[in-house]
Amino acid sequence: ITAHKSQGQTLKKVIVDLGSKWCRGAEKPYVMISCATSLQSLFILRPFNYNKICSHPSQDIRQETLRLDVLNLKT
């Protein structure tokens, strides 16, 4: 089953290949992994490069994180 077809579904067992050349960006891995109901039902076929599936935070997220860090230091 493809990531596109599995979107929004809950599956008893999920086997994903995060090392595949087709698994890029943050959206596809998220869709595939989020179908699993637990860590015990999630199987990752092989080691993968974390940088391949992560996304960089937007400017808005970076600003909000900085604002929260400053508030945390003040309290």
Protein backbone atom coordinates (compact mmCIF):
# COMPACT_ATOMS: atom_id res chain seq x y z
CA ILE A 1 0.00 0.00 0.00
CA THR A 2 1.36 3.43 -0.79
CA ALA A 3 1.69 6.34 1.64
CA HIS A 4 -0.96 8.17 -0.35
CA LYS A 5 -3.46 5.31 -0.10
CA SER A 6 -2.77 4.72 3.59
CA GLN A 7 -3.34 8.35 4.61
CA GLY A 8 -5.95 8.58 7.36
CA GLN A 9 -6.04 4.83 7.99
CA THR A 10 -5.20 2.93 11.16
CA LEU A 11 -3.37 -0.32 10.50
CA LYS A 12 -2.66 -3.24 12.85
CA LYS A 13 0.89 -3.65 11.51
CA VAL A 14 2.95 -1.13 9.58
CA ILE A 15 6.16 -2.03 7.75
CA VAL A 16 8.03 0.96 6.32
CA ASP A 17 11.23 1.39 4.38
CA LEU A 18 12.49 4.81 5.44
CA GLY A 19 15.72 4.12 3.56
CA SER A 20 13.95 3.97 0.21
CA LYS A 21 14.66 6.61 -2.43
CA TRP A 22 10.89 7.23 -2.58
CA CYS A 23 10.74 8.19 1.09
CA ARG A 24 11.73 11.86 1.18
CA GLY A 25 10.69 14.94 3.08
CA ALA A 26 8.71 14.90 6.28
CA GLU A 27 5.23 14.25 4.92
CA LYS A 28 5.52 10.73 3.47
CA PRO A 29 7.35 9.23 6.48
CA TYR A 30 4.87 10.90 8.83
CA VAL A 31 1.89 9.51 6.92
CA MET A 32 3.36 6.00 6.89
CA ILE A 33 4.39 5.96 10.55
CA SER A 34 1.21 7.63 11.84
CA CYS A 35 -0.87 4.68 10.58
CA ALA A 36 0.63 2.47 13.32
CA THR A 37 -1.36 2.11 16.53
CA SER A 38 1.74 1.54 18.68
CA LEU A 39 5.51 1.22 18.51
CA GLN A 40 5.09 -2.54 18.79
CA SER A 41 3.08 -2.55 15.55
CA LEU A 42 5.65 -0.44 13.66
CA PHE A 43 8.47 -2.20 11.80
CA ILE A 44 11.24 -0.23 10.07
CA LEU A 45 12.94 -2.38 7.44
CA ARG A 46 16.45 -0.92 7.51
CA PRO A 47 18.56 1.88 8.93
CA PHE A 48 17.85 5.29 7.45
CA ASN A 49 19.40 8.73 7.34
CA TYR A 50 17.50 10.97 9.77
CA ASN A 51 18.39 14.07 7.72
CA LYS A 52 16.56 12.56 4.76
CA ILE A 53 13.21 12.57 6.54
CA CYS A 54 13.39 15.67 8.72
CA SER A 55 12.24 19.12 7.74
CA HIS A 56 13.61 22.45 8.82
CA PRO A 57 11.36 24.57 11.04
CA SER A 58 9.73 27.56 9.40
CA GLN A 59 10.71 31.10 10.30
CA ASP A 60 7.51 31.40 12.36
CA ILE A 61 8.38 28.30 14.37
CA ARG A 62 11.94 29.53 14.98
CA GLN A 63 10.64 32.91 16.20
CA GLU A 64 8.07 31.29 18.49
CA THR A 65 10.68 28.93 19.93
CA LEU A 66 12.97 31.87 20.63
CA ARG A 67 10.11 33.79 22.27
CA LEU A 68 9.29 30.81 24.51
CA ASP A 69 12.95 30.33 25.42
CA VAL A 70 13.20 33.98 26.48
CA LEU A 71 10.01 33.67 28.56
CA ASN A 72 11.37 30.53 30.18
CA LEU A 73 14.56 32.37 31.18
CA LYS A 74 12.55 35.22 32.70
CA THR A 75 10.36 32.98 34.86
